Amino acid sequence: MTGIENLGGFIIAAIIVVTTPGIDTIMVLTRSISKGKIAGLYSALGVSLGLIFHTCAVTFGLSLIIAKSAIAFGIIKYLGAGYLIYIGIKALLSKSEQTEIKPIQMKNEGNRKMFVTAFISDILNPKIAIFFLAFLPQFIKSTEINYLTPYLVLGSIMFLITLVWCSLLAVMGSKVAILFNKNKNAEKWMNKTSGLVFILLGLKVAFTKK
């Protein structure tokens, strides 16, 4: 695909990143088992569209930087590689306890509000913005880094993977939550797998010759 390198690797990495339990996973599952499948689906759409916002922000922001200075982009790219390695090591060394997914008392909010709050929660998360800034450029050819298309394509793929996964969580709801809560080591090993992926991505950039 024009401007994109190792698309298969990106899809695999994106699936690992998306399916690793996090804030979005907990939000969708909690709303699904507390308010029902439809509320979970609206939340899934909200968090997924939030990724489109981050994609556009990274795309146009990086394009502006590249237009000003290729050196500046190079610095950002290597800082991004360093960030990926950092969060990878952090995930590998993490000993955090598993988060239990269970029904909670929620205000009588409509589905539209469920969507809006999920969307806003996602776009206001600075960790996602930084992650996208570090993640997307690793799969774009050096000759195409100043074009919008590759960023938008990769961001759209990330959106679709997230939407499918979060929608599945919303539909399965309590069943997924029960499996999630019973498998004490599942979250730990998923975190370690994603951590290894982040480290490999960071090293790929660090040792790639221009």
C-alpha atoms as a PDB file:
ATOM      1  CA  MET A   1       0.000   0.000   0.000  1.00  0.00           C
ATOM      2  CA  THR A   2       1.347   3.419  -0.975  1.00  0.00           C
ATOM      3  CA  GLY A   3       3.401   5.029   1.750  1.00  0.00           C
ATOM      4  CA  ILE A   4       2.992   2.169   4.235  1.00  0.00           C
ATOM      5  CA  GLU A   5       5.588  -0.446   5.065  1.00  0.00           C
ATOM      6  CA  ASN A   6       4.950  -3.741   6.851  1.00  0.00           C
ATOM      7  CA  LEU A   7       1.164  -3.389   6.890  1.00  0.00           C
ATOM      8  CA  GLY A   8       0.793  -6.922   8.239  1.00  0.00           C
ATOM      9  CA  GLY A   9       3.067  -6.077  11.148  1.00  0.00           C
ATOM     10  CA  PHE A  10       1.019  -2.968  11.870  1.00  0.00           C
ATOM     11  CA  ILE A  11      -2.249  -4.934  11.924  1.00  0.00           C
ATOM     12  CA  ILE A  12      -0.802  -7.545  14.301  1.00  0.00           C
ATOM     13  CA  ALA A  13       0.648  -4.858  16.585  1.00  0.00           C
ATOM     14  CA  ALA A  14      -2.617  -2.893  16.493  1.00  0.00           C
ATOM     15  CA  ILE A  15      -4.662  -5.974  17.444  1.00  0.00           C
ATOM     16  CA  ILE A  16      -2.354  -6.651  20.398  1.00  0.00           C
ATOM     17  CA  VAL A  17      -2.525  -3.015  21.511  1.00  0.00           C
ATOM     18  CA  VAL A  18      -6.313  -2.766  21.173  1.00  0.00           C
ATOM     19  CA  THR A  19      -7.120  -6.071  22.891  1.00  0.00           C
ATOM     20  CA  THR A  20      -4.811  -5.423  25.854  1.00  0.00           C
ATOM     21  CA  PRO A  21      -7.124  -4.468  28.760  1.00  0.00           C
ATOM     22  CA  GLY A  22      -7.175  -0.727  29.389  1.00  0.00           C
ATOM     23  CA  ILE A  23      -9.430   2.228  30.154  1.00  0.00           C
ATOM     24  CA  ASP A  24     -11.513   1.781  26.984  1.00  0.00           C
ATOM     25  CA  THR A  25     -12.033  -1.930  27.636  1.00  0.00           C
ATOM     26  CA  ILE A  26     -13.166  -1.301  31.198  1.00  0.00           C
ATOM     27  CA  MET A  27     -15.490   1.537  30.144  1.00  0.00           C
ATOM     28  CA  VAL A  28     -17.247  -0.495  27.446  1.00  0.00           C
ATOM     29  CA  LEU A  29     -17.608  -3.621  29.571  1.00  0.00           C
ATOM     30  CA  THR A  30     -18.799  -1.727  32.647  1.00  0.00           C
ATOM     31  CA  ARG A  31     -21.453   0.154  30.700  1.00  0.00           C
ATOM     32  CA  SER A  32     -22.536  -2.966  28.856  1.00  0.00           C
ATOM     33  CA  ILE A  33     -23.168  -5.007  32.004  1.00  0.00           C
ATOM     34  CA  SER A  34     -24.598  -2.030  33.923  1.00  0.00           C
ATOM     35  CA  LYS A  35     -26.807  -0.401  31.274  1.00  0.00           C
ATOM     36  CA  GLY A  36     -27.141  -3.040  28.565  1.00  0.00           C
ATOM     37  CA  LYS A  37     -25.765  -3.991  25.173  1.00  0.00           C
ATOM     38  CA  ILE A  38     -26.906  -0.811  23.365  1.00  0.00           C
ATOM     39  CA  ALA A  39     -25.195   1.458  25.905  1.00  0.00           C
ATOM     40  CA  GLY A  40     -22.040  -0.607  25.466  1.00  0.00           C
ATOM     41  CA  LEU A  41     -22.219  -0.248  21.680  1.00  0.00           C
ATOM     42  CA  TYR A  42     -22.627   3.525  21.894  1.00  0.00           C
ATOM     43  CA  SER A  43     -19.606   3.652  24.201  1.00  0.00           C
ATOM     44  CA  ALA A  44     -17.648   1.459  21.775  1.00  0.00           C
ATOM     45  CA  LEU A  45     -18.425   3.861  18.935  1.00  0.00           C
ATOM     46  CA  GLY A  46     -17.406   6.815  21.096  1.00  0.00           C
ATOM     47  CA  VAL A  47     -13.971   5.494  22.056  1.00  0.00           C
ATOM     48  CA  SER A  48     -13.342   4.308  18.488  1.00  0.00           C
ATOM     49  CA  LEU A  49     -14.155   7.694  16.932  1.00  0.00           C
ATOM     50  CA  GLY A  50     -11.863   9.259  19.506  1.00  0.00           C
ATOM     51  CA  LEU A  51      -9.010   7.478  17.731  1.00  0.00           C
ATOM     52  CA  ILE A  52      -9.951   9.192  14.462  1.00  0.00           C
ATOM     53  CA  PHE A  53      -9.570  12.522  16.261  1.00  0.00           C
ATOM     54  CA  HIS A  54      -6.088  11.535  17.470  1.00  0.00           C
ATOM     55  CA  THR A  55      -5.186  10.296  13.988  1.00  0.00           C
ATOM     56  CA  CYS A  56      -6.117  13.635  12.420  1.00  0.00           C
ATOM     57  CA  ALA A  57      -4.279  15.555  15.138  1.00  0.00           C
ATOM     58  CA  VAL A  58      -1.098  13.525  14.596  1.00  0.00           C
ATOM     59  CA  THR A  59      -1.452  13.582  10.803  1.00  0.00           C
ATOM     60  CA  PHE A  60      -1.817  17.313  10.362  1.00  0.00           C
ATOM     61  CA  GLY A  61       0.522  18.146  13.229  1.00  0.00           C
ATOM     62  CA  LEU A  62       3.355  16.016  11.865  1.00  0.00           C
ATOM     63  CA  SER A  63       2.762  17.250   8.325  1.00  0.00           C
ATOM     64  CA  LEU A  64       3.187  20.823   9.538  1.00  0.00           C
ATOM     65  CA  ILE A  65       6.384  19.917  11.390  1.00  0.00           C
ATOM     66  CA  ILE A  66       7.778  18.082   8.360  1.00  0.00           C
ATOM     67  CA  ALA A  67       6.999  21.060   6.141  1.00  0.00           C
ATOM     68  CA  LYS A  68       9.030  23.221   8.521  1.00  0.00           C
ATOM     69  CA  SER A  69      11.927  20.864   9.204  1.00  0.00           C
ATOM     70  CA  ALA A  70      12.812  17.273   8.315  1.00  0.00           C
ATOM     71  CA  ILE A  71      15.298  17.320  11.206  1.00  0.00           C
ATOM     72  CA  ALA A  72      12.508  18.183  13.644  1.00  0.00           C
ATOM     73  CA  PHE A  73      10.503  15.226  12.405  1.00  0.00           C
ATOM     74  CA  GLY A  74      13.528  12.968  12.814  1.00  0.00           C
ATOM     75  CA  ILE A  75      13.872  14.091  16.421  1.00  0.00           C
ATOM     76  CA  ILE A  76      10.176  13.422  17.055  1.00  0.00           C
ATOM     77  CA  LYS A  77      10.427  10.001  15.459  1.00  0.00           C
ATOM     78  CA  TYR A  78      13.349   8.944  17.642  1.00  0.00           C
ATOM     79  CA  LEU A  79      11.718  10.362  20.744  1.00  0.00           C
ATOM     80  CA  GLY A  80       8.686   8.295  19.766  1.00  0.00           C
ATOM     81  CA  ALA A  81      10.847   5.193  19.503  1.00  0.00           C
ATOM     82  CA  GLY A  82      12.226   5.920  22.960  1.00  0.00           C
ATOM     83  CA  TYR A  83       8.702   6.341  24.311  1.00  0.00           C
ATOM     84  CA  LEU A  84       7.608   2.996  22.856  1.00  0.00           C
ATOM     85  CA  ILE A  85      10.583   1.276  24.489  1.00  0.00           C
ATOM     86  CA  TYR A  86       9.788   3.014  27.776  1.00  0.00           C
ATOM     87  CA  ILE A  87       6.144   1.927  27.907  1.00  0.00           C
ATOM     88  CA  GLY A  88       7.175  -1.539  26.739  1.00  0.00           C
ATOM     89  CA  ILE A  89       9.617  -1.949  29.631  1.00  0.00           C
ATOM     90  CA  LYS A  90       7.036  -0.496  32.009  1.00  0.00           C
ATOM     91  CA  ALA A  91       4.475  -3.067  30.847  1.00  0.00           C
ATOM     92  CA  LEU A  92       6.955  -5.939  31.182  1.00  0.00           C
ATOM     93  CA  LEU A  93       7.874  -4.926  34.723  1.00  0.00           C
ATOM     94  CA  SER A  94       4.300  -4.130  35.757  1.00  0.00           C
ATOM     95  CA  LYS A  95       3.001  -5.994  38.804  1.00  0.00           C
ATOM     96  CA  SER A  96      -0.325  -4.210  39.029  1.00  0.00           C
ATOM     97  CA  GLU A  97      -3.328  -6.123  40.329  1.00  0.00           C
ATOM     98  CA  GLN A  98      -6.052  -7.188  37.952  1.00  0.00           C
ATOM     99  CA  THR A  99      -8.983  -4.798  37.616  1.00  0.00           C
ATOM    100  CA  GLU A 100     -12.303  -6.468  38.369  1.00  0.00           C
ATOM    101  CA  ILE A 101     -15.123  -5.756  35.941  1.00  0.00           C
ATOM    102  CA  LYS A 102     -18.495  -5.604  37.688  1.00  0.00           C
ATOM    103  CA  PRO A 103     -21.843  -3.763  37.458  1.00  0.00           C
ATOM    104  CA  ILE A 104     -21.900  -0.322  39.085  1.00  0.00           C
ATOM    105  CA  GLN A 105     -24.599   2.176  39.875  1.00  0.00           C
ATOM    106  CA  MET A 106     -24.823   4.669  36.999  1.00  0.00           C
ATOM    107  CA  LYS A 107     -26.932   7.729  36.431  1.00  0.00           C
ATOM    108  CA  ASN A 108     -29.884   7.356  34.094  1.00  0.00           C
ATOM    109  CA  GLU A 109     -27.968   8.636  31.085  1.00  0.00           C
ATOM    110  CA  GLY A 110     -29.228   8.264  27.528  1.00  0.00           C
ATOM    111  CA  ASN A 111     -27.292   6.411  24.861  1.00  0.00           C
ATOM    112  CA  ARG A 112     -26.302   9.662  23.183  1.00  0.00           C
ATOM    113  CA  LYS A 113     -24.676  10.847  26.390  1.00  0.00           C
ATOM    114  CA  MET A 114     -22.928   7.485  26.699  1.00  0.00           C
ATOM    115  CA  PHE A 115     -21.425   8.078  23.275  1.00  0.00           C
ATOM    116  CA  VAL A 116     -20.409  11.673  24.002  1.00  0.00           C
ATOM    117  CA  THR A 117     -18.751  10.914  27.334  1.00  0.00           C
ATOM    118  CA  ALA A 118     -16.834   7.974  25.828  1.00  0.00           C
ATOM    119  CA  PHE A 119     -15.682  10.119  22.902  1.00  0.00           C
ATOM    120  CA  ILE A 120     -14.598  13.034  25.100  1.00  0.00           C
ATOM    121  CA  SER A 121     -12.848  10.702  27.534  1.00  0.00           C
ATOM    122  CA  ASP A 122     -10.822   9.288  24.647  1.00  0.00           C
ATOM    123  CA  ILE A 123      -9.851  12.552  22.949  1.00  0.00           C
ATOM    124  CA  LEU A 124      -8.810  14.137  26.264  1.00  0.00           C
ATOM    125  CA  ASN A 125      -6.486  11.256  27.129  1.00  0.00           C
ATOM    126  CA  PRO A 126      -2.937  12.609  26.552  1.00  0.00           C
ATOM    127  CA  LYS A 127      -1.457   9.090  26.681  1.00  0.00           C
ATOM    128  CA  ILE A 128      -3.336   8.147  23.515  1.00  0.00           C
ATOM    129  CA  ALA A 129      -2.107  11.279  21.717  1.00  0.00           C
ATOM    130  CA  ILE A 130       1.508  10.538  22.648  1.00  0.00           C
ATOM    131  CA  PHE A 131       1.123   6.879  21.718  1.00  0.00           C
ATOM    132  CA  PHE A 132      -0.239   7.704  18.272  1.00  0.00           C
ATOM    133  CA  LEU A 133       2.587  10.192  17.737  1.00  0.00           C
ATOM    134  CA  ALA A 134       5.084   7.435  18.521  1.00  0.00           C
ATOM    135  CA  PHE A 135       3.271   4.482  16.923  1.00  0.00           C
ATOM    136  CA  LEU A 136       2.024   5.515  13.484  1.00  0.00           C
ATOM    137  CA  PRO A 137       5.290   6.859  11.977  1.00  0.00           C
ATOM    138  CA  GLN A 138       7.016   3.504  12.541  1.00  0.00           C
ATOM    139  CA  PHE A 139       5.000   2.007   9.664  1.00  0.00           C
ATOM    140  CA  ILE A 140       5.374   4.807   7.134  1.00  0.00           C
ATOM    141  CA  LYS A 141       8.094   4.845   4.484  1.00  0.00           C
ATOM    142  CA  SER A 142      10.693   7.559   4.982  1.00  0.00           C
ATOM    143  CA  THR A 143       9.947   8.856   1.480  1.00  0.00           C
ATOM    144  CA  GLU A 144       6.264   9.290   2.339  1.00  0.00           C
ATOM    145  CA  ILE A 145       6.432  10.859   5.803  1.00  0.00           C
ATOM    146  CA  ASN A 146       5.241  14.246   4.552  1.00  0.00           C
ATOM    147  CA  TYR A 147       2.043  12.876   2.987  1.00  0.00           C
ATOM    148  CA  LEU A 148      -1.306  12.670   4.765  1.00  0.00           C
ATOM    149  CA  THR A 149      -2.619   9.446   3.221  1.00  0.00           C
ATOM    150  CA  PRO A 150      -0.495   6.837   5.058  1.00  0.00           C
ATOM    151  CA  TYR A 151      -1.316   8.323   8.465  1.00  0.00           C
ATOM    152  CA  LEU A 152      -5.022   8.425   7.703  1.00  0.00           C
ATOM    153  CA  VAL A 153      -5.035   4.853   6.374  1.00  0.00           C
ATOM    154  CA  LEU A 154      -3.240   3.487   9.432  1.00  0.00           C
ATOM    155  CA  GLY A 155      -5.478   5.492  11.768  1.00  0.00           C
ATOM    156  CA  SER A 156      -8.575   4.187   9.982  1.00  0.00           C
ATOM    157  CA  ILE A 157      -7.360   0.603  10.366  1.00  0.00           C
ATOM    158  CA  MET A 158      -6.792   1.240  14.067  1.00  0.00           C
ATOM    159  CA  PHE A 159     -10.303   2.674  14.293  1.00  0.00           C
ATOM    160  CA  LEU A 160     -11.867  -0.383  12.625  1.00  0.00           C
ATOM    161  CA  ILE A 161      -9.973  -2.842  14.828  1.00  0.00           C
ATOM    162  CA  THR A 162     -11.003  -0.913  17.945  1.00  0.00           C
ATOM    163  CA  LEU A 163     -14.632  -0.656  16.824  1.00  0.00           C
ATOM    164  CA  VAL A 164     -14.896  -4.390  16.093  1.00  0.00           C
ATOM    165  CA  TRP A 165     -13.201  -5.367  19.373  1.00  0.00           C
ATOM    166  CA  CYS A 166     -15.130  -2.944  21.593  1.00  0.00           C
ATOM    167  CA  SER A 167     -18.418  -3.847  19.875  1.00  0.00           C
ATOM    168  CA  LEU A 168     -17.709  -7.516  20.568  1.00  0.00           C
ATOM    169  CA  LEU A 169     -17.085  -6.651  24.218  1.00  0.00           C
ATOM    170  CA  ALA A 170     -20.353  -4.699  24.340  1.00  0.00           C
ATOM    171  CA  VAL A 171     -22.386  -7.526  22.799  1.00  0.00           C
ATOM    172  CA  MET A 172     -20.853 -10.243  24.967  1.00  0.00           C
ATOM    173  CA  GLY A 173     -20.924  -7.985  28.032  1.00  0.00           C
ATOM    174  CA  SER A 174     -21.218  -9.969  31.240  1.00  0.00           C
ATOM    175  CA  LYS A 175     -19.860 -13.167  29.650  1.00  0.00           C
ATOM    176  CA  VAL A 176     -16.603 -11.448  28.719  1.00  0.00           C
ATOM    177  CA  ALA A 177     -16.449  -9.799  32.152  1.00  0.00           C
ATOM    178  CA  ILE A 178     -16.765 -13.195  33.866  1.00  0.00           C
ATOM    179  CA  LEU A 179     -13.934 -14.645  31.753  1.00  0.00           C
ATOM    180  CA  PHE A 180     -11.884 -11.507  32.358  1.00  0.00           C
ATOM    181  CA  ASN A 181     -12.346 -11.761  36.124  1.00  0.00           C
ATOM    182  CA  LYS A 182     -11.714 -15.522  36.317  1.00  0.00           C
ATOM    183  CA  ASN A 183      -8.464 -15.516  34.340  1.00  0.00           C
ATOM    184  CA  LYS A 184      -6.189 -13.879  36.869  1.00  0.00           C
ATOM    185  CA  ASN A 185      -3.084 -14.141  34.692  1.00  0.00           C
ATOM    186  CA  ALA A 186      -4.669 -13.135  31.369  1.00  0.00           C
ATOM    187  CA  GLU A 187      -4.234  -9.396  31.842  1.00  0.00           C
ATOM    188  CA  LYS A 188      -0.663  -9.854  33.071  1.00  0.00           C
ATOM    189  CA  TRP A 189       0.408 -11.840  30.020  1.00  0.00           C
ATOM    190  CA  MET A 190      -1.426  -9.557  27.606  1.00  0.00           C
ATOM    191  CA  ASN A 191       0.388  -6.585  29.136  1.00  0.00           C
ATOM    192  CA  LYS A 192       3.723  -8.358  28.799  1.00  0.00           C
ATOM    193  CA  THR A 193       2.990  -9.281  25.175  1.00  0.00           C
ATOM    194  CA  SER A 194       2.100  -5.700  24.279  1.00  0.00           C
ATOM    195  CA  GLY A 195       5.179  -4.517  26.194  1.00  0.00           C
ATOM    196  CA  LEU A 196       7.404  -6.746  24.072  1.00  0.00           C
ATOM    197  CA  VAL A 197       5.747  -5.442  20.898  1.00  0.00           C
ATOM    198  CA  PHE A 198       6.394  -1.825  21.953  1.00  0.00           C
ATOM    199  CA  ILE A 199      10.063  -2.559  22.691  1.00  0.00           C
ATOM    200  CA  LEU A 200      10.571  -4.275  19.331  1.00  0.00           C
ATOM    201  CA  LEU A 201       8.952  -1.353  17.516  1.00  0.00           C
ATOM    202  CA  GLY A 202      11.192   1.108  19.318  1.00  0.00           C
ATOM    203  CA  LEU A 203      14.326  -0.935  18.574  1.00  0.00           C
ATOM    204  CA  LYS A 204      13.293  -1.222  14.928  1.00  0.00           C
ATOM    205  CA  VAL A 205      13.527   2.536  14.594  1.00  0.00           C
ATOM    206  CA  ALA A 206      16.660   2.893  16.697  1.00  0.00           C
ATOM    207  CA  PHE A 207      18.623   0.483  14.497  1.00  0.00           C
ATOM    208  CA  THR A 208      17.119   1.325  11.114  1.00  0.00           C
ATOM    209  CA  LYS A 209      19.550   3.054   8.788  1.00  0.00           C
ATOM    210  CA  LYS A 210      18.182   5.946   6.732  1.00  0.00           C
END
